[in-house]
Amino acid sequence: MAYPATLVFVHGWSVTHTNTYGGLPQRLAAESAATGRKLKVRDLWLTKYVSFHDEVRVEDLARAMEAAVRRELADLIAAGERFAVITHSTGGPIAREWWWRHYVEDKTTGVCPMSHLVMLAPANFGSALAQLGKGRISRMKSWTEGVEPGAGVLDWLEHGSHESWRLNEAWIRGRFGKPSEKGVFSFVLTGQTIDRSLYDHLNAYTGESGSDGVVRVPAANLNASMIRLEQGAGAEAGALLPAGKALHAPATAFRIMTGRSHSGTDKGIMNAVEPDPNGEGIEVTRAILRCLAVADSKDYDKLGAAFAKETERIQAEEKVEIQVIPILPDRAFIHDRTSLVIFRLKDSEGYPLHDFDLELTGLQDDPDLLPEGFFNDRQRNQRSKNVLTFFFNYDLMVGSDAIPDPREKGRVLRPSRLGVDRLGLRITPRPSAGFVHYQACSVAADPATLRAFIQPNQATLVDIVLRRMVHREVFELERGDAPRASFKKVKPGGELIG
């Protein structure tokens, strides 16, 4: 068994220098050599892509990546060899978009030359920071290098963007194929630690529990689901009904990395890795090498199971964080598991709904009977007003044991919390009257909805279709050719068409 002979590194967004990789390439080469397996590290020089110009989109970067691969790695591909890709942050979606466009959607290009895709802190389902605006983001040390970020890439990175939804729906539907020797072995490695030296006091997202300061854990994870709900007709018009079974993406090896944040030379998952094999980041580099050592489906399944157990252990170990503050009292942070749910609303004719209220309900279908503190954040997509993203505290939703204070025996940081075993949904769309209107509808709170919508560390896409109610008075026929009375003041009646 051997590692792929060639590695291609794809950096994240707004990067302007190859030093963003830190010592990761050299460290991987040194550690692989120590195991008797050699790596040929080759930089694809994607550092030259201009992600900080508004006209450049993720789709353009995918096209440019294909051109660069064909130009720089032509000999390797011609010899029938394949390479591994290691990405950071937005590099993950770029590599996946390249893979989709040129080797999945396009059936004429043959087998993808990429054998392994190892994504570090990938923004696969976007980032909450993306909609803050170019000026504010360009000043954040946690994500940029002081350049003005480009709107084209930010559009993709907004939670629930049309572009990310399309790519992730294809992933969930299994159109990329299962991990295999002739396919691609995909891996997600991400942290859940906040580097508080990079915290932006004007933006709470950079210190958000359940994230690495930029990308939320469930937004990185590709073990995602999708549900479609459709409004009933006639007597069932007040109900949202499942349209087919919930879809679950093929299992993707996923691991939380201990003490890793999104960026920075202290805790960053990529650029806080020292060239010295005994230095910082040893867990990251060894996890990458474990990914690269996967040679077949059996290896992949075995590593995925191991990663799942290690993630469970690490999240338990990192449940409580104590921040030591000079002079002032130390601060304690509780890191619960989180979930991401992205709702998209359209009507039965395919038109997006922009004006609506969406409420979650708990016991007795009451929005007030949901656990305290379970709801972390809600964002509406700025371009697609019919898309809402909810960020949940999973552990508070389902219930949590008491959290002891590690600093003092017998002291409790947070008492036990009762959760709920059911979840519902209520939608009030507008307009609710007129010749064409919409009717309120809901899903009764039940355990099945809770399990379908919310899983720890995972994202769920919920596609909702409401009926477009059209009254018969919109278009009528009358016999005869004589002029009739004006219908200027006609009003909708009680009968609907269709």
Protein backbone atom coordinates (compact mmCIF):
# COMPACT_ATOMS: atom_id res chain seq x y z
CA MET A 1 0.00 0.00 0.00
CA ALA A 2 1.33 3.46 -0.92
CA TYR A 3 0.24 7.05 -0.81
CA PRO A 4 -0.76 8.85 -4.04
CA ALA A 5 2.45 9.94 -5.75
CA THR A 6 1.36 13.54 -6.25
CA LEU A 7 -0.40 15.99 -3.92
CA VAL A 8 -2.15 19.12 -5.09
CA PHE A 9 -2.86 21.81 -2.50
CA VAL A 10 -5.80 24.15 -3.04
CA HIS A 11 -5.91 27.07 -0.62
CA GLY A 12 -8.92 29.01 0.59
CA TRP A 13 -10.51 32.27 -0.42
CA SER A 14 -8.81 35.69 -0.25
CA VAL A 15 -5.31 34.16 0.00
CA THR A 16 -2.50 36.09 -1.70
CA HIS A 17 0.62 34.09 -0.83
CA THR A 18 1.80 30.47 -0.73
CA ASN A 19 2.83 30.92 2.89
CA THR A 20 -0.80 30.18 3.70
CA TYR A 21 0.12 26.48 3.64
CA GLY A 22 2.57 26.97 6.50
CA GLY A 23 4.75 23.89 6.89
CA LEU A 24 2.03 21.40 5.90
CA PRO A 25 3.51 20.18 2.57
CA GLN A 26 7.00 19.70 4.02
CA ARG A 27 5.60 18.11 7.16
CA LEU A 28 3.55 15.58 5.18
CA ALA A 29 6.56 14.69 3.06
CA ALA A 30 8.77 14.24 6.14
CA GLU A 31 6.25 12.10 8.02
CA SER A 32 5.50 9.94 4.98
CA ALA A 33 9.23 9.38 4.43
CA ALA A 34 9.55 8.30 8.05
CA THR A 35 6.99 5.56 7.39
CA GLY A 36 8.84 4.37 4.30
CA ARG A 37 6.33 5.83 1.87
CA LYS A 38 7.39 8.67 -0.37
CA LEU A 39 5.29 11.66 -1.41
CA LYS A 40 5.95 13.96 -4.33
CA VAL A 41 4.52 17.30 -3.19
CA ARG A 42 3.47 19.55 -6.03
CA ASP A 43 1.85 22.96 -5.56
CA LEU A 44 -0.78 23.72 -8.21
CA TRP A 45 -0.21 27.46 -7.77
CA LEU A 46 -3.88 28.19 -7.36
CA THR A 47 -2.66 30.96 -5.09
CA LYS A 48 -2.82 33.07 -8.22
CA TYR A 49 -6.56 32.85 -8.57
CA VAL A 50 -8.24 36.19 -7.99
CA SER A 51 -11.01 35.36 -5.53
CA PHE A 52 -11.01 38.96 -4.36
CA HIS A 53 -12.48 40.38 -7.59
CA ASP A 54 -16.26 40.64 -7.80
CA GLU A 55 -16.59 39.13 -11.27
CA VAL A 56 -14.87 35.86 -10.32
CA ARG A 57 -17.22 33.10 -9.22
CA VAL A 58 -16.63 29.59 -7.88
CA GLU A 59 -17.67 28.18 -11.26
CA ASP A 60 -14.92 30.24 -12.93
CA LEU A 61 -12.36 28.93 -10.47
CA ALA A 62 -13.47 25.35 -11.23
CA ARG A 63 -12.90 25.96 -14.94
CA ALA A 64 -9.51 27.50 -14.22
CA MET A 65 -8.61 24.52 -12.03
CA GLU A 66 -9.38 22.11 -14.85
CA ALA A 67 -7.22 24.12 -17.24
CA ALA A 68 -4.37 24.18 -14.69
CA VAL A 69 -4.63 20.43 -14.06
CA ARG A 70 -4.52 19.69 -17.79
CA ARG A 71 -1.62 22.07 -18.26
CA GLU A 72 0.54 21.14 -15.27
CA LEU A 73 -0.29 17.47 -14.75
CA ALA A 74 -0.80 16.35 -18.35
CA ASP A 75 2.07 13.86 -18.27
CA LEU A 76 0.84 12.28 -15.06
CA ILE A 77 -2.71 11.92 -16.42
CA ALA A 78 -1.46 10.56 -19.75
CA ALA A 79 0.45 7.88 -17.84
CA GLY A 80 -2.80 6.80 -16.17
CA GLU A 81 -1.77 8.07 -12.73
CA ARG A 82 -3.98 9.99 -10.34
CA PHE A 83 -3.31 12.60 -7.68
CA ALA A 84 -4.65 13.57 -4.28
CA VAL A 85 -6.04 17.02 -3.49
CA ILE A 86 -5.75 18.68 -0.07
CA THR A 87 -7.89 21.78 0.36
CA HIS A 88 -8.52 24.42 2.97
CA SER A 89 -11.76 26.36 3.53
CA THR A 90 -13.28 27.54 0.21
CA GLY A 91 -10.82 25.28 -1.59
CA GLY A 92 -13.14 22.38 -0.68
CA PRO A 93 -16.18 23.70 -2.58
CA ILE A 94 -13.93 24.73 -5.49
CA ALA A 95 -12.49 21.20 -5.79
CA ARG A 96 -15.95 19.66 -5.51
CA GLU A 97 -17.32 22.07 -8.16
CA TRP A 98 -14.41 21.14 -10.44
CA TRP A 99 -15.04 17.43 -9.85
CA TRP A 100 -18.77 17.84 -10.52
CA ARG A 101 -18.53 19.97 -13.64
CA HIS A 102 -15.72 18.17 -15.40
CA TYR A 103 -15.99 14.54 -14.28
CA VAL A 104 -19.56 13.91 -13.10
CA GLU A 105 -21.87 16.21 -15.06
CA ASP A 106 -19.66 15.95 -18.16
CA LYS A 107 -19.66 12.26 -19.08
CA THR A 108 -17.09 12.64 -21.85
CA THR A 109 -13.97 13.32 -19.76
CA GLY A 110 -13.54 9.85 -18.28
CA VAL A 111 -12.36 8.95 -14.80
CA CYS A 112 -11.57 11.85 -12.51
CA PRO A 113 -7.76 12.12 -12.12
CA MET A 114 -8.26 12.91 -8.42
CA SER A 115 -8.14 9.78 -6.25
CA HIS A 116 -8.38 11.36 -2.77
CA LEU A 117 -9.95 14.65 -1.66
CA VAL A 118 -8.94 15.69 1.86
CA MET A 119 -10.78 18.84 2.93
CA LEU A 120 -9.60 20.88 5.91
CA ALA A 121 -12.32 23.09 7.44
CA PRO A 122 -14.28 23.20 4.17
CA ALA A 123 -17.20 25.61 3.78
CA ASN A 124 -19.24 22.92 2.03
CA PHE A 125 -22.56 24.42 3.11
CA GLY A 126 -21.19 27.95 3.31
CA SER A 127 -20.34 30.24 6.20
CA ALA A 128 -22.45 32.58 8.33
CA LEU A 129 -19.77 35.24 7.81
CA ALA A 130 -20.35 35.43 4.05
CA GLN A 131 -23.27 37.85 4.22
CA LEU A 132 -21.62 40.41 6.48
CA GLY A 133 -20.37 42.44 3.54
CA LYS A 134 -17.06 42.81 1.79
CA GLY A 135 -15.78 45.69 3.89
CA ARG A 136 -16.33 44.00 7.25
CA ILE A 137 -14.98 40.64 6.13
CA SER A 138 -11.83 42.16 4.64
CA ARG A 139 -10.92 43.41 8.12
CA MET A 140 -11.24 40.00 9.80
CA LYS A 141 -7.94 38.38 10.64
CA SER A 142 -9.70 35.04 11.03
CA TRP A 143 -10.50 34.73 7.33
CA THR A 144 -8.60 37.16 5.14
CA GLU A 145 -5.19 38.65 4.54
CA GLY A 146 -6.34 42.24 4.42
CA VAL A 147 -7.61 42.19 0.84
CA GLU A 148 -11.09 43.27 -0.20
CA PRO A 149 -12.98 40.00 -0.76
CA GLY A 150 -14.85 39.34 -4.00
CA ALA A 151 -18.65 39.32 -4.12
CA GLY A 152 -18.72 36.46 -6.64
CA VAL A 153 -17.24 33.94 -4.22
CA LEU A 154 -19.16 35.39 -1.26
CA ASP A 155 -22.41 34.73 -3.16
CA TRP A 156 -21.61 31.01 -3.25
CA LEU A 157 -20.57 30.99 0.40
CA GLU A 158 -23.83 32.36 1.77
CA HIS A 159 -25.77 29.57 3.48
CA GLY A 160 -28.33 28.14 1.06
CA SER A 161 -27.09 29.91 -2.05
CA HIS A 162 -28.47 28.59 -5.32
CA GLU A 163 -25.02 27.41 -6.36
CA SER A 164 -24.20 25.59 -3.13
CA TRP A 165 -27.70 24.05 -2.95
CA ARG A 166 -27.32 22.63 -6.47
CA LEU A 167 -23.93 21.09 -5.69
CA ASN A 168 -24.97 19.74 -2.29
CA GLU A 169 -28.23 18.30 -3.57
CA ALA A 170 -26.27 16.39 -6.22
CA TRP A 171 -23.97 15.16 -3.45
CA ILE A 172 -26.83 14.05 -1.21
CA ARG A 173 -28.51 12.26 -4.12
CA GLY A 174 -25.32 10.25 -4.57
CA ARG A 175 -24.56 11.52 -8.07
CA PHE A 176 -20.85 11.79 -7.30
CA GLY A 177 -20.81 8.03 -6.69
CA LYS A 178 -19.72 6.09 -3.65
CA PRO A 179 -16.11 6.23 -2.46
CA SER A 180 -14.24 3.53 -4.37
CA GLU A 181 -10.99 2.66 -6.11
CA LYS A 182 -12.30 3.97 -9.45
CA GLY A 183 -14.08 6.90 -7.85
CA VAL A 184 -12.83 9.42 -5.30
CA PHE A 185 -12.23 8.92 -1.59
CA SER A 186 -13.46 12.07 0.19
CA PHE A 187 -12.63 13.18 3.74
CA VAL A 188 -13.56 16.14 5.94
CA LEU A 189 -11.30 17.22 8.81
CA THR A 190 -12.41 20.27 10.78
CA GLY A 191 -11.96 21.90 14.16
CA GLN A 192 -14.42 23.32 16.67
CA THR A 193 -12.02 25.57 18.57
CA ILE A 194 -12.11 29.37 18.61
CA ASP A 195 -8.77 31.14 18.40
CA ARG A 196 -9.76 33.99 20.68
CA SER A 197 -6.83 36.12 19.55
CA LEU A 198 -8.66 36.36 16.20
CA TYR A 199 -12.08 37.07 17.74
CA ASP A 200 -13.89 40.05 16.25
CA HIS A 201 -15.75 41.74 19.12
CA LEU A 202 -18.16 43.35 16.67
CA ASN A 203 -19.17 40.02 15.18
CA ALA A 204 -20.25 37.13 17.41
CA TYR A 205 -19.97 34.63 14.55
CA THR A 206 -16.18 34.54 14.99
CA GLY A 207 -16.61 33.20 18.53
CA GLU A 208 -19.60 30.97 17.88
CA SER A 209 -19.68 27.62 19.66
CA GLY A 210 -20.02 24.76 17.21
CA SER A 211 -17.66 26.36 14.70
CA ASP A 212 -13.96 27.01 14.14
CA GLY A 213 -14.49 30.76 14.05
CA VAL A 214 -15.42 30.80 10.35
CA VAL A 215 -17.11 27.54 9.34
CA ARG A 216 -19.70 25.79 11.47
CA VAL A 217 -19.07 22.08 12.07
CA PRO A 218 -22.29 20.90 10.34
CA ALA A 219 -21.55 23.22 7.40
CA ALA A 220 -18.25 21.41 6.85
CA ASN A 221 -19.61 17.88 7.22
CA LEU A 222 -20.80 16.18 4.01
CA ASN A 223 -22.88 13.59 5.89
CA ALA A 224 -26.02 15.55 5.09
CA SER A 225 -29.69 14.90 4.38
CA MET A 226 -32.47 16.35 2.25
CA ILE A 227 -36.24 16.37 2.75
CA ARG A 228 -39.00 17.58 0.43
CA LEU A 229 -42.35 18.70 1.84
CA GLU A 230 -45.37 19.62 -0.28
CA GLN A 231 -48.57 21.33 0.75
CA GLY A 232 -51.62 19.13 0.51
CA ALA A 233 -54.68 19.85 -1.64
CA GLY A 234 -58.32 20.29 -0.71
CA ALA A 235 -58.99 19.17 2.83
CA GLU A 236 -55.25 18.67 3.38
CA ALA A 237 -54.26 22.19 2.31
CA GLY A 238 -53.31 23.02 5.86
CA ALA A 239 -50.72 20.25 6.02
CA LEU A 240 -47.19 19.90 4.71
CA LEU A 241 -46.72 16.30 3.60
CA PRO A 242 -43.52 14.36 2.84
CA ALA A 243 -42.90 14.00 -0.87
CA GLY A 244 -40.94 10.76 -0.93
CA LYS A 245 -38.41 9.53 1.58
CA ALA A 246 -35.70 11.60 3.19
CA LEU A 247 -32.44 11.37 1.27
CA HIS A 248 -29.10 10.75 2.98
CA ALA A 249 -25.74 11.37 1.39
CA PRO A 250 -23.31 8.47 0.96
CA ALA A 251 -21.23 8.17 4.13
CA THR A 252 -18.23 10.51 4.10
CA ALA A 253 -15.32 10.04 6.51
CA PHE A 254 -15.53 12.95 8.95
CA ARG A 255 -13.37 13.87 11.92
CA ILE A 256 -13.15 16.69 14.45
CA MET A 257 -9.54 17.74 15.07
CA THR A 258 -8.49 18.53 18.64
CA GLY A 259 -7.93 22.21 19.39
CA ARG A 260 -7.99 23.37 15.78
CA SER A 261 -9.46 26.66 14.58
CA HIS A 262 -10.04 27.82 11.02
CA SER A 263 -6.86 29.83 10.56
CA GLY A 264 -3.96 31.47 12.31
CA THR A 265 -0.44 30.32 13.09
CA ASP A 266 -1.33 29.28 16.63
CA LYS A 267 -4.33 26.96 16.20
CA GLY A 268 -5.12 27.04 12.47
CA ILE A 269 -5.92 23.61 11.05
CA MET A 270 -3.55 24.15 8.12
CA ASN A 271 -1.08 26.94 8.77
CA ALA A 272 -0.37 26.08 12.41
CA VAL A 273 1.43 22.92 11.33
CA GLU A 274 5.18 23.07 11.85
CA PRO A 275 7.62 21.33 9.48
CA ASP A 276 9.08 19.47 12.48
CA PRO A 277 7.25 16.09 12.76
CA ASN A 278 7.29 16.49 16.55
CA GLY A 279 5.88 20.02 16.48
CA GLU A 280 2.35 21.42 16.47
CA GLY A 281 -0.32 19.89 14.26
CA ILE A 282 0.83 16.29 14.55
CA GLU A 283 -2.79 15.10 14.82
CA VAL A 284 -3.71 16.94 11.61
CA THR A 285 -0.86 15.61 9.51
CA ARG A 286 -1.30 12.06 10.76
CA ALA A 287 -5.03 12.22 10.03
CA ILE A 288 -4.26 13.40 6.48
CA LEU A 289 -1.80 10.55 5.99
CA ARG A 290 -4.41 8.08 7.27
CA CYS A 291 -6.75 9.43 4.59
CA LEU A 292 -4.12 9.18 1.87
CA ALA A 293 -3.36 5.57 2.87
CA VAL A 294 -6.91 4.46 1.98
CA ALA A 295 -6.66 2.13 -1.00
CA ASP A 296 -10.08 0.52 -1.27
CA SER A 297 -13.67 0.66 -0.03
CA LYS A 298 -12.90 -1.60 2.91
CA ASP A 299 -10.11 0.74 4.07
CA TYR A 300 -12.45 3.71 3.66
CA ASP A 301 -15.26 2.22 5.71
CA LYS A 302 -12.82 1.20 8.44
CA LEU A 303 -11.31 4.70 8.65
CA GLY A 304 -14.75 6.32 8.61
CA ALA A 305 -15.82 4.22 11.59
CA ALA A 306 -12.60 5.07 13.44
CA PHE A 307 -13.04 8.79 12.71
CA ALA A 308 -16.61 8.66 14.08
CA LYS A 309 -15.44 7.16 17.38
CA GLU A 310 -12.57 9.65 17.64
CA THR A 311 -14.92 12.55 16.94
CA GLU A 312 -17.26 11.41 19.71
CA ARG A 313 -14.34 11.22 22.14
CA ILE A 314 -12.92 14.63 21.16
CA GLN A 315 -16.26 16.38 21.43
CA ALA A 316 -16.70 14.93 24.91
CA GLU A 317 -13.18 16.07 25.88
CA GLU A 318 -13.76 19.57 24.48
CA LYS A 319 -17.19 19.95 26.03
CA VAL A 320 -15.90 22.56 28.48
CA GLU A 321 -13.32 25.23 27.68
CA ILE A 322 -11.78 27.37 30.41
CA GLN A 323 -10.28 30.65 29.22
CA VAL A 324 -7.70 32.01 31.63
CA ILE A 325 -7.90 35.81 31.80
CA PRO A 326 -5.30 37.87 33.67
CA ILE A 327 -6.74 39.84 36.61
CA LEU A 328 -10.37 39.09 35.67
CA PRO A 329 -12.09 35.80 36.59
CA ASP A 330 -11.59 32.91 34.17
CA ARG A 331 -14.35 32.33 31.65
CA ALA A 332 -16.01 28.98 30.97
CA PHE A 333 -17.47 28.00 27.60
CA ILE A 334 -19.68 24.96 26.96
CA HIS A 335 -19.35 23.45 23.49
CA ASP A 336 -22.47 21.50 22.59
CA ARG A 337 -23.00 19.64 19.34
CA THR A 338 -24.85 21.63 16.72
CA SER A 339 -27.02 21.16 13.63
CA LEU A 340 -27.74 23.22 10.52
CA VAL A 341 -31.11 23.23 8.73
CA ILE A 342 -31.54 25.15 5.48
CA PHE A 343 -35.15 25.80 4.36
CA ARG A 344 -36.02 26.74 0.77
CA LEU A 345 -39.60 27.78 -0.08
CA LYS A 346 -41.14 27.77 -3.54
CA ASP A 347 -44.67 27.52 -4.83
CA SER A 348 -46.18 24.83 -7.04
CA GLU A 349 -45.29 26.85 -10.17
CA GLY A 350 -41.66 27.12 -9.15
CA TYR A 351 -41.75 30.76 -8.00
CA PRO A 352 -39.74 31.55 -4.86
CA LEU A 353 -41.68 32.78 -1.81
CA HIS A 354 -40.11 35.89 -0.34
CA ASP A 355 -42.71 36.91 2.24
CA PHE A 356 -43.45 34.37 4.93
CA ASP A 357 -43.05 33.50 8.60
CA LEU A 358 -41.51 30.14 9.48
CA GLU A 359 -41.87 28.94 13.05
CA LEU A 360 -40.70 25.79 14.77
CA THR A 361 -43.08 24.15 17.21
CA GLY A 362 -42.53 21.73 20.07
CA LEU A 363 -44.80 19.99 22.52
CA GLN A 364 -48.50 20.54 21.81
CA ASP A 365 -47.47 22.20 18.52
CA ASP A 366 -46.55 25.29 20.52
CA PRO A 367 -43.50 27.39 19.51
CA ASP A 368 -43.12 28.40 23.14
CA LEU A 369 -42.67 24.79 24.27
CA LEU A 370 -39.19 24.30 22.86
CA PRO A 371 -36.02 23.96 24.99
CA GLU A 372 -34.40 27.14 26.22
CA GLY A 373 -31.22 28.02 24.37
CA PHE A 374 -31.58 25.46 21.57
CA PHE A 375 -31.86 28.15 18.88
CA ASN A 376 -28.48 29.69 18.05
CA ASP A 377 -29.01 31.74 14.89
CA ARG A 378 -31.17 32.38 11.83
CA GLN A 379 -30.06 33.89 8.53
CA ARG A 380 -32.00 34.79 5.39
CA ASN A 381 -30.00 34.51 2.19
CA GLN A 382 -29.51 38.03 0.81
CA ARG A 383 -29.90 37.08 -2.85
CA SER A 384 -32.43 34.28 -2.42
CA LYS A 385 -34.98 35.66 0.03
CA ASN A 386 -36.84 32.34 -0.01
CA VAL A 387 -33.98 30.60 1.80
CA LEU A 388 -33.66 30.55 5.60
CA THR A 389 -30.86 28.88 7.56
CA PHE A 390 -31.34 27.80 11.17
CA PHE A 391 -28.40 26.93 13.41
CA PHE A 392 -29.40 24.72 16.36
CA ASN A 393 -27.84 23.56 19.60
CA TYR A 394 -28.48 19.85 19.17
CA ASP A 395 -27.65 18.82 22.74
CA LEU A 396 -30.06 21.35 24.25
CA MET A 397 -32.72 20.34 21.76
CA VAL A 398 -32.70 16.68 22.76
CA GLY A 399 -31.69 17.20 26.40
CA SER A 400 -28.40 17.47 28.28
CA ASP A 401 -26.97 16.07 31.48
CA ALA A 402 -25.56 18.46 34.06
CA ILE A 403 -22.17 19.87 33.07
CA PRO A 404 -19.66 19.80 35.97
CA ASP A 405 -17.14 22.57 36.43
CA PRO A 406 -13.64 21.07 36.01
CA ARG A 407 -12.19 23.79 38.27
CA GLU A 408 -14.12 22.88 41.39
CA LYS A 409 -15.42 19.49 42.47
CA GLY A 410 -19.16 19.45 43.04
CA ARG A 411 -19.73 22.72 41.20
CA VAL A 412 -22.03 22.69 38.15
CA LEU A 413 -21.55 24.94 35.15
CA ARG A 414 -24.96 24.11 33.73
CA PRO A 415 -27.69 22.03 35.34
CA SER A 416 -29.33 19.21 33.42
CA ARG A 417 -31.71 20.39 30.74
CA LEU A 418 -34.83 18.67 29.52
CA GLY A 419 -35.09 18.40 25.76
CA VAL A 420 -37.99 17.45 23.52
CA ASP A 421 -38.64 14.31 21.51
CA ARG A 422 -40.63 16.03 18.78
CA LEU A 423 -40.50 18.97 16.41
CA GLY A 424 -43.02 20.65 14.13
CA LEU A 425 -43.11 23.42 11.56
CA ARG A 426 -45.58 26.21 10.86
CA ILE A 427 -45.53 28.46 7.78
CA THR A 428 -47.57 31.63 7.32
CA PRO A 429 -47.06 32.81 3.72
CA ARG A 430 -48.13 36.09 2.11
CA PRO A 431 -50.20 37.26 0.31
CA SER A 432 -52.88 35.33 2.16
CA ALA A 433 -55.78 36.82 0.18
CA GLY A 434 -56.51 37.98 -3.36
CA PHE A 435 -56.93 36.40 -6.78
CA VAL A 436 -53.69 34.49 -6.26
CA HIS A 437 -52.62 33.76 -2.73
CA TYR A 438 -51.14 31.20 -0.36
CA GLN A 439 -52.54 29.34 2.60
CA ALA A 440 -50.86 28.72 5.95
CA CYS A 441 -49.75 25.16 6.55
CA SER A 442 -47.84 23.12 9.10
CA VAL A 443 -46.23 19.87 10.07
CA ALA A 444 -47.45 18.53 13.39
CA ALA A 445 -44.73 18.14 16.01
CA ASP A 446 -43.63 14.51 16.09
CA PRO A 447 -40.46 12.45 16.74
CA ALA A 448 -40.02 11.58 13.06
CA THR A 449 -39.72 15.24 12.06
CA LEU A 450 -37.17 15.87 14.79
CA ARG A 451 -35.00 12.95 13.65
CA ALA A 452 -35.34 13.92 9.99
CA PHE A 453 -34.53 17.60 10.46
CA ILE A 454 -31.83 17.57 13.10
CA GLN A 455 -28.75 15.36 13.43
CA PRO A 456 -25.63 16.25 15.44
CA ASN A 457 -22.80 17.79 13.41
CA GLN A 458 -24.87 17.60 10.22
CA ALA A 459 -26.76 19.81 7.78
CA THR A 460 -30.22 19.14 6.38
CA LEU A 461 -31.74 20.72 3.28
CA VAL A 462 -35.53 21.11 3.53
CA ASP A 463 -37.24 21.87 0.20
CA ILE A 464 -40.79 23.15 0.80
CA VAL A 465 -43.40 23.55 -1.94
CA LEU A 466 -46.58 25.54 -1.21
CA ARG A 467 -49.65 25.47 -3.44
CA ARG A 468 -50.26 28.58 -5.52
CA MET A 469 -53.97 29.24 -4.97
CA VAL A 470 -55.67 30.75 -8.06
CA HIS A 471 -59.35 31.77 -8.03
CA ARG A 472 -61.66 30.95 -10.93
CA GLU A 473 -62.45 34.67 -11.44
CA VAL A 474 -58.94 35.28 -12.80
CA PHE A 475 -60.13 34.02 -16.21
CA GLU A 476 -63.74 33.31 -17.22
CA LEU A 477 -65.75 32.80 -20.44
CA GLU A 478 -69.25 34.14 -21.15
CA ARG A 479 -71.58 33.26 -24.04
CA GLY A 480 -72.59 35.79 -26.67
CA ASP A 481 -71.00 38.66 -28.53
CA ALA A 482 -72.84 41.60 -26.99
CA PRO A 483 -70.87 43.95 -24.72
CA ARG A 484 -71.30 43.10 -21.08
CA ALA A 485 -70.91 45.01 -17.86
CA SER A 486 -67.45 46.03 -16.66
CA PHE A 487 -65.58 43.45 -14.59
CA LYS A 488 -63.23 46.06 -13.21
CA LYS A 489 -64.54 45.56 -9.69
CA VAL A 490 -64.70 41.79 -9.77
CA LYS A 491 -63.58 40.11 -6.57
CA PRO A 492 -62.31 36.59 -5.91
CA GLY A 493 -64.97 34.11 -4.88
CA GLY A 494 -64.69 30.91 -2.96
CA GLU A 495 -63.82 28.54 -5.80
CA LEU A 496 -60.22 27.73 -6.73
CA ILE A 497 -58.93 26.20 -9.94
CA GLY A 498 -56.58 23.24 -10.12
